[in-house]
Amino acid sequence: MVQTCNSSQTNRLLQRVSCQDGQALEDLFGLHRERLRKMVRLRLDRRLRDRFTSSAVLDQVYRDACKRIDEYLANPRQRVFLWLRLLTGQRILALHREHLGTHVLDAGQDFSVYRGAHPQVNSVSLAANLIGDRANNQSAVRADLLLRLQDALNGMDPFDREILGMCHFEELRDEEVAAILDIDKATAALHYVRALKRLKEILKNVPGFFDRK
């Protein structure tokens, strides 16, 4: 029933879930909650940030997991974290479609490594995460820097943006990225090195990015 590629702790929790232990699924979700939060912070459209906190989104994901845990237990083909990450991506997409509309989301999104299963990393989200709290007390400076960085990142290969998002901001391991993208671990690592090199080149050419404010 359980998969050997899950951790021993996760397998014990899954065993308890299968035995109808009501607390076990909550404990299992809690084990992965902070990693899933990184995904929400990266991929939830910034236009929805005032309406949905990452905690609120994850509460919805937990309810989805409660409804669908029997599906996983019946056919545990992937690590439970990756299954929960898939549910998180599907929930984010559902929120996007409900509140932003598919016509907005589809504009300029002809590339997707997920075939519609996840919201992809775009230049807006990547730029905001790269800037972080930089110039937070100088809104005009921050807005200008954000626009310049977005424009530069638009020229980046979409696949490289995805690799950066997964490895750098979601902090996924090479084997997890490989499983998600259906490539081998060595190839995933090489793609990340290439994407990181390209990002460094881009940042060097963005005026003001390395200035301390």
N, C-alpha and C. Protein backbone atom coordinates (compact mmCIF):
# COMPACT_ATOMS: atom_id res chain seq x y z
N MET A 1 0.83 -1.21 0.00
CA MET A 1 0.00 0.00 0.00
C MET A 1 0.86 1.26 0.00
N VAL A 2 1.90 1.31 0.85
CA VAL A 2 2.75 2.50 0.90
C VAL A 2 3.96 2.31 0.01
N GLN A 3 4.57 3.42 -0.38
CA GLN A 3 5.70 3.40 -1.29
C GLN A 3 7.01 3.51 -0.53
N THR A 4 7.99 2.76 -0.95
CA THR A 4 9.29 2.80 -0.27
C THR A 4 10.01 4.13 -0.48
N CYS A 5 9.67 4.89 -1.51
CA CYS A 5 10.35 6.16 -1.74
C CYS A 5 9.87 7.25 -0.78
N ASN A 6 8.76 7.02 -0.07
CA ASN A 6 8.38 7.93 1.00
C ASN A 6 9.30 7.70 2.19
N SER A 7 9.42 8.70 3.06
CA SER A 7 10.21 8.53 4.26
C SER A 7 9.52 7.54 5.20
N SER A 8 10.27 7.00 6.13
CA SER A 8 9.69 6.06 7.08
C SER A 8 8.60 6.73 7.92
N GLN A 9 8.83 8.01 8.27
CA GLN A 9 7.82 8.74 9.03
C GLN A 9 6.53 8.89 8.23
N THR A 10 6.68 9.23 6.95
CA THR A 10 5.51 9.37 6.09
C THR A 10 4.79 8.04 5.92
N ASN A 11 5.55 6.97 5.76
CA ASN A 11 4.92 5.66 5.60
C ASN A 11 4.14 5.25 6.85
N ARG A 12 4.68 5.59 8.01
CA ARG A 12 3.95 5.28 9.25
C ARG A 12 2.64 6.05 9.32
N LEU A 13 2.68 7.31 8.91
CA LEU A 13 1.47 8.12 8.91
C LEU A 13 0.46 7.60 7.89
N LEU A 14 0.95 7.19 6.74
CA LEU A 14 0.04 6.63 5.73
C LEU A 14 -0.61 5.35 6.22
N GLN A 15 0.15 4.56 6.95
CA GLN A 15 -0.42 3.34 7.51
C GLN A 15 -1.54 3.67 8.49
N ARG A 16 -1.31 4.70 9.29
CA ARG A 16 -2.35 5.12 10.23
C ARG A 16 -3.58 5.67 9.50
N VAL A 17 -3.33 6.41 8.40
CA VAL A 17 -4.45 6.91 7.60
C VAL A 17 -5.28 5.75 7.07
N SER A 18 -4.61 4.74 6.55
CA SER A 18 -5.31 3.58 5.99
C SER A 18 -6.09 2.82 7.05
N CYS A 19 -5.70 2.97 8.31
CA CYS A 19 -6.41 2.33 9.41
C CYS A 19 -7.49 3.25 10.01
N GLN A 20 -7.82 4.29 9.27
CA GLN A 20 -8.89 5.22 9.66
C GLN A 20 -8.56 6.03 10.91
N ASP A 21 -7.28 6.32 11.12
CA ASP A 21 -6.87 7.19 12.22
C ASP A 21 -7.18 8.63 11.81
N GLY A 22 -8.12 9.26 12.47
CA GLY A 22 -8.59 10.58 12.08
C GLY A 22 -7.54 11.68 12.17
N GLN A 23 -6.56 11.54 13.04
CA GLN A 23 -5.53 12.56 13.23
C GLN A 23 -4.39 12.41 12.24
N ALA A 24 -4.23 11.21 11.67
CA ALA A 24 -3.04 10.91 10.88
C ALA A 24 -2.90 11.77 9.64
N LEU A 25 -4.00 12.02 8.91
CA LEU A 25 -3.89 12.81 7.69
C LEU A 25 -3.54 14.26 8.01
N GLU A 26 -4.09 14.78 9.10
CA GLU A 26 -3.73 16.14 9.52
C GLU A 26 -2.24 16.22 9.84
N ASP A 27 -1.73 15.20 10.53
CA ASP A 27 -0.30 15.16 10.86
C ASP A 27 0.54 15.03 9.59
N LEU A 28 0.07 14.22 8.66
CA LEU A 28 0.79 14.03 7.40
C LEU A 28 0.85 15.33 6.61
N PHE A 29 -0.26 16.03 6.55
CA PHE A 29 -0.28 17.30 5.82
C PHE A 29 0.61 18.32 6.52
N GLY A 30 0.57 18.33 7.84
CA GLY A 30 1.41 19.26 8.59
C GLY A 30 2.88 19.03 8.36
N LEU A 31 3.25 17.79 8.10
CA LEU A 31 4.64 17.44 7.83
C LEU A 31 5.16 18.15 6.58
N HIS A 32 4.27 18.40 5.62
CA HIS A 32 4.67 18.97 4.33
C HIS A 32 4.14 20.39 4.11
N ARG A 33 3.46 20.93 5.10
CA ARG A 33 2.75 22.20 4.91
C ARG A 33 3.67 23.36 4.52
N GLU A 34 4.81 23.49 5.20
CA GLU A 34 5.68 24.63 4.92
C GLU A 34 6.31 24.54 3.53
N ARG A 35 6.59 23.32 3.08
CA ARG A 35 7.12 23.18 1.72
C ARG A 35 6.05 23.55 0.69
N LEU A 36 4.82 23.18 0.96
CA LEU A 36 3.72 23.53 0.05
C LEU A 36 3.47 25.04 0.07
N ARG A 37 3.70 25.67 1.23
CA ARG A 37 3.51 27.11 1.33
C ARG A 37 4.44 27.86 0.37
N LYS A 38 5.66 27.35 0.19
CA LYS A 38 6.59 27.97 -0.75
C LYS A 38 6.02 27.96 -2.16
N MET A 39 5.34 26.87 -2.52
CA MET A 39 4.73 26.78 -3.84
C MET A 39 3.63 27.83 -4.01
N VAL A 40 2.78 27.95 -2.98
CA VAL A 40 1.68 28.91 -3.05
C VAL A 40 2.23 30.33 -3.19
N ARG A 41 3.24 30.66 -2.42
CA ARG A 41 3.81 32.01 -2.47
C ARG A 41 4.40 32.33 -3.84
N LEU A 42 4.92 31.31 -4.50
CA LEU A 42 5.52 31.52 -5.81
C LEU A 42 4.47 31.57 -6.92
N ARG A 43 3.45 30.71 -6.85
CA ARG A 43 2.58 30.48 -8.00
C ARG A 43 1.19 31.11 -7.92
N LEU A 44 0.74 31.50 -6.73
CA LEU A 44 -0.55 32.18 -6.66
C LEU A 44 -0.43 33.55 -7.29
N ASP A 45 -1.30 33.84 -8.24
CA ASP A 45 -1.25 35.12 -8.95
C ASP A 45 -1.30 36.27 -7.95
N ARG A 46 -0.44 37.24 -8.16
CA ARG A 46 -0.30 38.33 -7.20
C ARG A 46 -1.55 39.18 -7.08
N ARG A 47 -2.42 39.11 -8.09
CA ARG A 47 -3.68 39.85 -8.01
C ARG A 47 -4.64 39.26 -6.98
N LEU A 48 -4.34 38.05 -6.51
CA LEU A 48 -5.20 37.39 -5.54
C LEU A 48 -4.63 37.41 -4.12
N ARG A 49 -3.46 38.03 -3.95
CA ARG A 49 -2.80 37.99 -2.64
C ARG A 49 -3.60 38.68 -1.54
N ASP A 50 -4.36 39.72 -1.91
CA ASP A 50 -5.15 40.43 -0.90
C ASP A 50 -6.40 39.64 -0.51
N ARG A 51 -6.75 38.65 -1.32
CA ARG A 51 -7.98 37.89 -1.08
C ARG A 51 -7.71 36.53 -0.44
N PHE A 52 -6.52 35.98 -0.70
CA PHE A 52 -6.21 34.65 -0.19
C PHE A 52 -4.79 34.62 0.39
N THR A 53 -4.69 34.33 1.66
CA THR A 53 -3.37 34.10 2.24
C THR A 53 -2.92 32.70 1.87
N SER A 54 -1.63 32.44 2.01
CA SER A 54 -1.14 31.10 1.72
C SER A 54 -1.78 30.08 2.67
N SER A 55 -2.03 30.48 3.91
CA SER A 55 -2.67 29.57 4.86
C SER A 55 -4.09 29.22 4.44
N ALA A 56 -4.82 30.20 3.91
CA ALA A 56 -6.18 29.95 3.46
C ALA A 56 -6.19 28.99 2.27
N VAL A 57 -5.24 29.17 1.36
CA VAL A 57 -5.15 28.26 0.22
C VAL A 57 -4.82 26.85 0.69
N LEU A 58 -3.89 26.73 1.61
CA LEU A 58 -3.48 25.41 2.10
C LEU A 58 -4.60 24.73 2.88
N ASP A 59 -5.45 25.51 3.55
CA ASP A 59 -6.61 24.91 4.22
C ASP A 59 -7.53 24.27 3.18
N GLN A 60 -7.69 24.91 2.03
CA GLN A 60 -8.49 24.32 0.96
C GLN A 60 -7.84 23.07 0.41
N VAL A 61 -6.52 23.11 0.27
CA VAL A 61 -5.79 21.93 -0.22
C VAL A 61 -5.96 20.76 0.75
N TYR A 62 -5.92 21.06 2.04
CA TYR A 62 -6.09 19.99 3.04
C TYR A 62 -7.47 19.35 2.89
N ARG A 63 -8.49 20.16 2.67
CA ARG A 63 -9.83 19.60 2.47
C ARG A 63 -9.88 18.75 1.21
N ASP A 64 -9.17 19.19 0.17
CA ASP A 64 -9.09 18.38 -1.06
C ASP A 64 -8.43 17.04 -0.78
N ALA A 65 -7.37 17.08 0.03
CA ALA A 65 -6.64 15.85 0.37
C ALA A 65 -7.53 14.90 1.15
N CYS A 66 -8.34 15.44 2.06
CA CYS A 66 -9.25 14.59 2.83
C CYS A 66 -10.23 13.86 1.92
N LYS A 67 -10.69 14.56 0.89
CA LYS A 67 -11.66 13.96 -0.03
C LYS A 67 -11.01 12.92 -0.95
N ARG A 68 -9.70 13.08 -1.21
CA ARG A 68 -9.08 12.26 -2.26
C ARG A 68 -7.99 11.30 -1.75
N ILE A 69 -7.82 11.23 -0.44
CA ILE A 69 -6.75 10.39 0.09
C ILE A 69 -6.92 8.92 -0.30
N ASP A 70 -8.16 8.46 -0.42
CA ASP A 70 -8.38 7.06 -0.81
C ASP A 70 -7.83 6.78 -2.21
N GLU A 71 -7.86 7.81 -3.09
CA GLU A 71 -7.29 7.65 -4.43
C GLU A 71 -5.80 7.37 -4.34
N TYR A 72 -5.13 8.13 -3.47
CA TYR A 72 -3.69 7.93 -3.31
C TYR A 72 -3.38 6.58 -2.71
N LEU A 73 -4.10 6.22 -1.68
CA LEU A 73 -3.84 4.95 -1.00
C LEU A 73 -4.05 3.77 -1.93
N ALA A 74 -5.01 3.89 -2.85
CA ALA A 74 -5.30 2.80 -3.78
C ALA A 74 -4.23 2.65 -4.85
N ASN A 75 -3.52 3.77 -5.14
CA ASN A 75 -2.53 3.71 -6.21
C ASN A 75 -1.42 4.73 -5.93
N PRO A 76 -0.56 4.44 -4.95
CA PRO A 76 0.49 5.40 -4.55
C PRO A 76 1.70 5.36 -5.47
N ARG A 77 1.55 5.94 -6.65
CA ARG A 77 2.60 5.84 -7.66
C ARG A 77 3.71 6.89 -7.48
N GLN A 78 3.50 7.87 -6.63
CA GLN A 78 4.49 8.90 -6.41
C GLN A 78 4.59 9.21 -4.92
N ARG A 79 5.63 9.91 -4.56
CA ARG A 79 5.78 10.31 -3.16
C ARG A 79 4.58 11.14 -2.74
N VAL A 80 4.20 10.99 -1.49
CA VAL A 80 3.01 11.67 -1.02
C VAL A 80 3.19 13.19 -1.09
N PHE A 81 4.42 13.68 -0.88
CA PHE A 81 4.63 15.13 -1.01
C PHE A 81 4.32 15.61 -2.41
N LEU A 82 4.73 14.85 -3.43
CA LEU A 82 4.47 15.26 -4.81
C LEU A 82 2.98 15.19 -5.12
N TRP A 83 2.28 14.23 -4.51
CA TRP A 83 0.83 14.16 -4.68
C TRP A 83 0.17 15.39 -4.06
N LEU A 84 0.60 15.76 -2.86
CA LEU A 84 0.06 16.95 -2.22
C LEU A 84 0.41 18.22 -3.00
N ARG A 85 1.59 18.23 -3.58
CA ARG A 85 1.99 19.37 -4.41
C ARG A 85 1.10 19.47 -5.64
N LEU A 86 0.75 18.31 -6.22
CA LEU A 86 -0.17 18.29 -7.36
C LEU A 86 -1.53 18.85 -6.97
N LEU A 87 -2.05 18.44 -5.81
CA LEU A 87 -3.32 18.97 -5.34
C LEU A 87 -3.24 20.48 -5.12
N THR A 88 -2.10 20.94 -4.62
CA THR A 88 -1.92 22.38 -4.38
C THR A 88 -1.94 23.14 -5.70
N GLY A 89 -1.25 22.61 -6.71
CA GLY A 89 -1.27 23.25 -8.02
C GLY A 89 -2.65 23.29 -8.61
N GLN A 90 -3.40 22.21 -8.47
CA GLN A 90 -4.76 22.17 -8.99
C GLN A 90 -5.66 23.16 -8.27
N ARG A 91 -5.47 23.31 -6.95
CA ARG A 91 -6.27 24.28 -6.20
C ARG A 91 -5.94 25.70 -6.61
N ILE A 92 -4.66 26.01 -6.81
CA ILE A 92 -4.28 27.35 -7.26
C ILE A 92 -4.88 27.65 -8.62
N LEU A 93 -4.81 26.68 -9.53
CA LEU A 93 -5.41 26.87 -10.85
C LEU A 93 -6.90 27.13 -10.75
N ALA A 94 -7.58 26.39 -9.88
CA ALA A 94 -9.02 26.57 -9.72
C ALA A 94 -9.34 27.99 -9.23
N LEU A 95 -8.53 28.50 -8.30
CA LEU A 95 -8.72 29.88 -7.82
C LEU A 95 -8.47 30.88 -8.93
N HIS A 96 -7.44 30.63 -9.73
CA HIS A 96 -7.15 31.52 -10.86
C HIS A 96 -8.33 31.57 -11.82
N ARG A 97 -8.84 30.40 -12.17
CA ARG A 97 -9.94 30.34 -13.14
C ARG A 97 -11.20 31.00 -12.58
N GLU A 98 -11.46 30.77 -11.30
CA GLU A 98 -12.67 31.32 -10.70
C GLU A 98 -12.62 32.84 -10.58
N HIS A 99 -11.46 33.37 -10.23
CA HIS A 99 -11.39 34.80 -9.92
C HIS A 99 -10.74 35.66 -11.00
N LEU A 100 -9.99 35.04 -11.91
CA LEU A 100 -9.33 35.81 -12.96
C LEU A 100 -9.85 35.48 -14.35
N GLY A 101 -10.39 34.28 -14.52
CA GLY A 101 -10.93 33.88 -15.82
C GLY A 101 -9.88 33.20 -16.68
N THR A 102 -10.29 32.19 -17.42
CA THR A 102 -9.34 31.44 -18.24
C THR A 102 -8.76 32.27 -19.36
N HIS A 103 -9.52 33.24 -19.89
CA HIS A 103 -9.01 34.05 -21.00
C HIS A 103 -7.83 34.90 -20.55
N VAL A 104 -7.84 35.32 -19.28
CA VAL A 104 -6.71 36.09 -18.75
C VAL A 104 -5.50 35.18 -18.56
N LEU A 105 -5.75 34.00 -18.02
CA LEU A 105 -4.65 33.08 -17.72
C LEU A 105 -3.99 32.54 -18.96
N ASP A 106 -4.76 32.35 -20.03
CA ASP A 106 -4.22 31.73 -21.23
C ASP A 106 -3.40 32.68 -22.09
N ALA A 107 -3.54 33.97 -21.84
CA ALA A 107 -2.85 34.95 -22.68
C ALA A 107 -1.34 34.80 -22.56
N GLY A 108 -0.70 34.52 -23.65
CA GLY A 108 0.74 34.40 -23.67
C GLY A 108 1.28 33.19 -22.97
N GLN A 109 0.44 32.17 -22.70
CA GLN A 109 0.87 31.00 -21.95
C GLN A 109 0.84 29.77 -22.85
N ASP A 110 1.50 29.85 -23.98
CA ASP A 110 1.47 28.73 -24.91
C ASP A 110 2.44 27.63 -24.52
N PHE A 111 3.27 27.89 -23.51
CA PHE A 111 4.21 26.87 -23.03
C PHE A 111 3.80 26.44 -21.63
N SER A 112 3.80 25.15 -21.38
CA SER A 112 3.59 24.64 -20.03
C SER A 112 4.21 23.27 -19.91
N VAL A 113 5.10 23.10 -18.94
CA VAL A 113 5.69 21.79 -18.71
C VAL A 113 4.71 20.88 -18.00
N TYR A 114 3.60 21.44 -17.53
CA TYR A 114 2.66 20.68 -16.73
C TYR A 114 1.42 20.23 -17.49
N ARG A 115 1.27 20.67 -18.72
CA ARG A 115 0.08 20.33 -19.51
C ARG A 115 -1.21 20.70 -18.74
N GLY A 116 -1.19 21.88 -18.13
CA GLY A 116 -2.39 22.37 -17.46
C GLY A 116 -2.57 21.93 -16.03
N ALA A 117 -1.69 21.09 -15.49
CA ALA A 117 -1.87 20.57 -14.13
C ALA A 117 -1.42 21.55 -13.06
N HIS A 118 -0.55 22.50 -13.40
CA HIS A 118 -0.03 23.47 -12.44
C HIS A 118 0.01 24.85 -13.09
N PRO A 119 -0.10 25.90 -12.27
CA PRO A 119 0.18 27.24 -12.77
C PRO A 119 1.68 27.39 -12.93
N GLN A 120 2.13 27.87 -14.06
CA GLN A 120 3.56 27.97 -14.29
C GLN A 120 4.14 29.24 -13.69
N VAL A 121 5.44 29.26 -13.54
CA VAL A 121 6.14 30.43 -13.02
C VAL A 121 6.24 31.46 -14.15
N ASN A 122 5.77 32.67 -13.89
CA ASN A 122 5.89 33.72 -14.90
C ASN A 122 6.87 34.79 -14.44
N SER A 123 7.17 35.72 -15.32
CA SER A 123 8.17 36.74 -15.01
C SER A 123 7.74 37.66 -13.87
N VAL A 124 6.43 37.89 -13.73
CA VAL A 124 5.93 38.76 -12.66
C VAL A 124 6.22 38.14 -11.30
N SER A 125 5.85 36.88 -11.16
CA SER A 125 6.06 36.19 -9.89
C SER A 125 7.54 36.03 -9.57
N LEU A 126 8.31 35.66 -10.58
CA LEU A 126 9.74 35.46 -10.38
C LEU A 126 10.42 36.76 -9.98
N ALA A 127 10.06 37.85 -10.64
CA ALA A 127 10.65 39.15 -10.32
C ALA A 127 10.32 39.56 -8.89
N ALA A 128 9.08 39.38 -8.48
CA ALA A 128 8.66 39.77 -7.13
C ALA A 128 9.41 38.96 -6.07
N ASN A 129 9.61 37.68 -6.34
CA ASN A 129 10.33 36.84 -5.39
C ASN A 129 11.81 37.17 -5.35
N LEU A 130 12.38 37.54 -6.47
CA LEU A 130 13.79 37.92 -6.51
C LEU A 130 14.04 39.22 -5.77
N ILE A 131 13.11 40.16 -5.88
CA ILE A 131 13.28 41.45 -5.22
C ILE A 131 13.06 41.33 -3.72
N GLY A 132 12.07 40.53 -3.34
CA GLY A 132 11.79 40.37 -1.91
C GLY A 132 11.41 41.68 -1.26
N ASP A 133 12.08 42.03 -0.17
CA ASP A 133 11.77 43.27 0.57
C ASP A 133 12.63 44.44 0.13
N ARG A 134 13.37 44.26 -0.95
CA ARG A 134 14.25 45.32 -1.42
C ARG A 134 13.45 46.59 -1.73
N ALA A 135 13.92 47.71 -1.25
CA ALA A 135 13.31 49.03 -1.49
C ALA A 135 11.83 49.05 -1.11
N ASN A 136 11.47 48.28 -0.08
CA ASN A 136 10.06 48.19 0.32
C ASN A 136 9.53 49.51 0.83
N ASN A 137 10.43 50.36 1.37
CA ASN A 137 10.02 51.66 1.89
C ASN A 137 10.13 52.76 0.85
N GLN A 138 10.44 52.38 -0.38
CA GLN A 138 10.54 53.35 -1.48
C GLN A 138 9.72 52.78 -2.65
N SER A 139 8.43 52.98 -2.61
CA SER A 139 7.51 52.33 -3.55
C SER A 139 7.83 52.65 -5.01
N ALA A 140 8.21 53.90 -5.30
CA ALA A 140 8.50 54.26 -6.69
C ALA A 140 9.74 53.53 -7.19
N VAL A 141 10.77 53.46 -6.34
CA VAL A 141 12.01 52.76 -6.71
C VAL A 141 11.73 51.28 -6.91
N ARG A 142 10.96 50.72 -5.99
CA ARG A 142 10.63 49.29 -6.08
C ARG A 142 9.83 48.98 -7.34
N ALA A 143 8.83 49.80 -7.64
CA ALA A 143 8.00 49.57 -8.82
C ALA A 143 8.81 49.64 -10.09
N ASP A 144 9.72 50.63 -10.17
CA ASP A 144 10.57 50.76 -11.35
C ASP A 144 11.49 49.56 -11.51
N LEU A 145 12.09 49.11 -10.42
CA LEU A 145 12.98 47.96 -10.45
C LEU A 145 12.21 46.69 -10.84
N LEU A 146 11.00 46.56 -10.31
CA LEU A 146 10.18 45.40 -10.62
C LEU A 146 9.85 45.33 -12.10
N LEU A 147 9.51 46.46 -12.69
CA LEU A 147 9.17 46.49 -14.12
C LEU A 147 10.38 46.15 -14.99
N ARG A 148 11.55 46.70 -14.62
CA ARG A 148 12.76 46.41 -15.39
C ARG A 148 13.14 44.94 -15.30
N LEU A 149 12.99 44.38 -14.10
CA LEU A 149 13.33 42.97 -13.91
C LEU A 149 12.34 42.07 -14.65
N GLN A 150 11.05 42.39 -14.60
CA GLN A 150 10.05 41.62 -15.33
C GLN A 150 10.36 41.61 -16.82
N ASP A 151 10.69 42.78 -17.35
CA ASP A 151 10.99 42.89 -18.77
C ASP A 151 12.18 42.02 -19.15
N ALA A 152 13.20 42.02 -18.29
CA ALA A 152 14.39 41.21 -18.56
C ALA A 152 14.07 39.72 -18.49
N LEU A 153 13.26 39.33 -17.50
CA LEU A 153 12.94 37.91 -17.32
C LEU A 153 12.01 37.38 -18.41
N ASN A 154 11.30 38.27 -19.08
CA ASN A 154 10.44 37.85 -20.19
C ASN A 154 11.25 37.19 -21.30
N GLY A 155 12.53 37.56 -21.39
CA GLY A 155 13.39 36.98 -22.41
C GLY A 155 13.99 35.65 -22.01
N MET A 156 13.68 35.20 -20.83
CA MET A 156 14.23 33.94 -20.34
C MET A 156 13.39 32.77 -20.84
N ASP A 157 14.05 31.66 -21.14
CA ASP A 157 13.35 30.47 -21.57
C ASP A 157 12.35 30.05 -20.50
N PRO A 158 11.07 29.79 -20.85
CA PRO A 158 10.07 29.40 -19.85
C PRO A 158 10.47 28.17 -19.04
N PHE A 159 11.12 27.22 -19.68
CA PHE A 159 11.56 26.02 -18.98
C PHE A 159 12.58 26.39 -17.91
N ASP A 160 13.48 27.32 -18.22
CA ASP A 160 14.46 27.77 -17.23
C ASP A 160 13.78 28.46 -16.05
N ARG A 161 12.73 29.24 -16.33
CA ARG A 161 11.99 29.88 -15.24
C ARG A 161 11.36 28.83 -14.32
N GLU A 162 10.84 27.78 -14.93
CA GLU A 162 10.24 26.72 -14.13
C GLU A 162 11.28 26.04 -13.24
N ILE A 163 12.41 25.71 -13.84
CA ILE A 163 13.47 25.06 -13.07
C ILE A 163 13.92 25.94 -11.91
N LEU A 164 14.08 27.24 -12.17
CA LEU A 164 14.46 28.17 -11.10
C LEU A 164 13.41 28.22 -10.01
N GLY A 165 12.15 28.28 -10.43
CA GLY A 165 11.07 28.33 -9.46
C GLY A 165 11.07 27.11 -8.55
N MET A 166 11.21 25.94 -9.15
CA MET A 166 11.16 24.70 -8.38
C MET A 166 12.39 24.53 -7.49
N CYS A 167 13.56 24.77 -8.05
CA CYS A 167 14.80 24.51 -7.30
C CYS A 167 15.14 25.63 -6.32
N HIS A 168 14.97 26.87 -6.75
CA HIS A 168 15.46 27.99 -5.96
C HIS A 168 14.43 28.50 -4.96
N PHE A 169 13.16 28.60 -5.38
CA PHE A 169 12.15 29.18 -4.50
C PHE A 169 11.30 28.14 -3.79
N GLU A 170 10.95 27.06 -4.48
CA GLU A 170 10.25 25.97 -3.79
C GLU A 170 11.22 25.06 -3.05
N GLU A 171 12.50 25.15 -3.41
CA GLU A 171 13.57 24.36 -2.79
C GLU A 171 13.33 22.85 -2.93
N LEU A 172 12.87 22.45 -4.12
CA LEU A 172 12.70 21.03 -4.39
C LEU A 172 14.05 20.38 -4.66
N ARG A 173 14.17 19.13 -4.30
CA ARG A 173 15.39 18.38 -4.55
C ARG A 173 15.43 17.92 -6.00
N ASP A 174 16.65 17.61 -6.47
CA ASP A 174 16.82 17.21 -7.87
C ASP A 174 15.92 16.04 -8.24
N GLU A 175 15.81 15.05 -7.35
CA GLU A 175 15.01 13.88 -7.65
C GLU A 175 13.52 14.21 -7.72
N GLU A 176 13.10 15.23 -6.96
CA GLU A 176 11.69 15.65 -7.02
C GLU A 176 11.41 16.38 -8.32
N VAL A 177 12.32 17.27 -8.72
CA VAL A 177 12.18 17.96 -10.00
C VAL A 177 12.16 16.95 -11.14
N ALA A 178 13.04 15.97 -11.07
CA ALA A 178 13.11 14.94 -12.11
C ALA A 178 11.80 14.18 -12.23
N ALA A 179 11.21 13.84 -11.08
CA ALA A 179 9.94 13.11 -11.09
C ALA A 179 8.81 13.96 -11.65
N ILE A 180 8.80 15.24 -11.31
CA ILE A 180 7.74 16.14 -11.79
C ILE A 180 7.82 16.33 -13.29
N LEU A 181 9.03 16.51 -13.80
CA LEU A 181 9.23 16.81 -15.22
C LEU A 181 9.47 15.57 -16.06
N ASP A 182 9.51 14.41 -15.41
CA ASP A 182 9.74 13.14 -16.11
C ASP A 182 11.07 13.15 -16.85
N ILE A 183 12.12 13.57 -16.15
CA ILE A 183 13.48 13.53 -16.67
C ILE A 183 14.35 12.87 -15.61
N ASP A 184 15.61 12.55 -15.94
CA ASP A 184 16.44 11.93 -14.92
C ASP A 184 17.06 13.00 -14.02
N LYS A 185 17.56 12.55 -12.87
CA LYS A 185 18.07 13.46 -11.86
C LYS A 185 19.24 14.29 -12.36
N ALA A 186 20.16 13.68 -13.10
CA ALA A 186 21.33 14.40 -13.62
C ALA A 186 20.91 15.50 -14.58
N THR A 187 19.92 15.21 -15.42
CA THR A 187 19.43 16.22 -16.37
C THR A 187 18.78 17.37 -15.63
N ALA A 188 18.03 17.06 -14.59
CA ALA A 188 17.41 18.12 -13.79
C ALA A 188 18.47 19.04 -13.18
N ALA A 189 19.53 18.46 -12.66
CA ALA A 189 20.60 19.26 -12.07
C ALA A 189 21.29 20.14 -13.11
N LEU A 190 21.51 19.60 -14.29
CA LEU A 190 22.15 20.37 -15.37
C LEU A 190 21.28 21.54 -15.80
N HIS A 191 19.97 21.30 -15.89
CA HIS A 191 19.05 22.37 -16.27
C HIS A 191 19.07 23.49 -15.23
N TYR A 192 19.16 23.12 -13.96
CA TYR A 192 19.18 24.14 -12.91
C TYR A 192 20.46 24.98 -12.99
N VAL A 193 21.59 24.34 -13.22
CA VAL A 193 22.86 25.07 -13.35
C VAL A 193 22.79 26.03 -14.52
N ARG A 194 22.22 25.57 -15.64
CA ARG A 194 22.09 26.42 -16.83
C ARG A 194 21.17 27.60 -16.54
N ALA A 195 20.04 27.33 -15.88
CA ALA A 195 19.08 28.38 -15.59
C ALA A 195 19.66 29.40 -14.61
N LEU A 196 20.41 28.94 -13.63
CA LEU A 196 21.02 29.84 -12.65
C LEU A 196 22.05 30.74 -13.32
N LYS A 197 22.82 30.17 -14.23
CA LYS A 197 23.81 30.96 -14.96
C LYS A 197 23.14 32.04 -15.79
N ARG A 198 22.03 31.67 -16.45
CA ARG A 198 21.29 32.63 -17.27
C ARG A 198 20.69 33.73 -16.40
N LEU A 199 20.19 33.35 -15.23
CA LEU A 199 19.62 34.35 -14.33
C LEU A 199 20.67 35.35 -13.88
N LYS A 200 21.85 34.88 -13.55
CA LYS A 200 22.93 35.78 -13.12
C LYS A 200 23.28 36.77 -14.22
N GLU A 201 23.29 36.29 -15.47
CA GLU A 201 23.57 37.17 -16.60
C GLU A 201 22.49 38.25 -16.73
N ILE A 202 21.23 37.83 -16.52
CA ILE A 202 20.12 38.77 -16.63
C ILE A 202 20.21 39.84 -15.53
N LEU A 203 20.48 39.41 -14.31
CA LEU A 203 20.51 40.34 -13.18
C LEU A 203 21.63 41.37 -13.31
N LYS A 204 22.75 40.96 -13.90
CA LYS A 204 23.86 41.90 -14.10
C LYS A 204 23.46 43.05 -15.02
N ASN A 205 22.50 42.79 -15.91
CA ASN A 205 22.10 43.79 -16.90
C ASN A 205 20.84 44.56 -16.49
N VAL A 206 20.39 44.35 -15.26
CA VAL A 206 19.23 45.10 -14.76
C VAL A 206 19.75 46.24 -13.88
N PRO A 207 19.69 47.47 -14.36
CA PRO A 207 20.22 48.61 -13.59
C PRO A 207 19.56 48.71 -12.22
N GLY A 208 20.39 48.81 -11.19
CA GLY A 208 19.88 49.02 -9.85
C GLY A 208 19.58 47.77 -9.06
N PHE A 209 19.67 46.58 -9.69
CA PHE A 209 19.28 45.38 -8.96
C PHE A 209 20.23 45.10 -7.79
N PHE A 210 21.51 45.32 -8.00
CA PHE A 210 22.47 45.00 -6.96
C PHE A 210 22.80 46.22 -6.08
N ASP A 211 22.10 47.33 -6.30
CA ASP A 211 22.28 48.50 -5.45
C ASP A 211 21.61 48.24 -4.10
N ARG A 212 22.21 48.65 -3.02
CA ARG A 212 21.61 48.53 -1.70
C ARG A 212 20.78 49.80 -1.42
N LYS A 213 19.54 49.54 -1.10
CA LYS A 213 18.65 50.69 -0.85
C LYS A 213 18.34 50.82 0.63
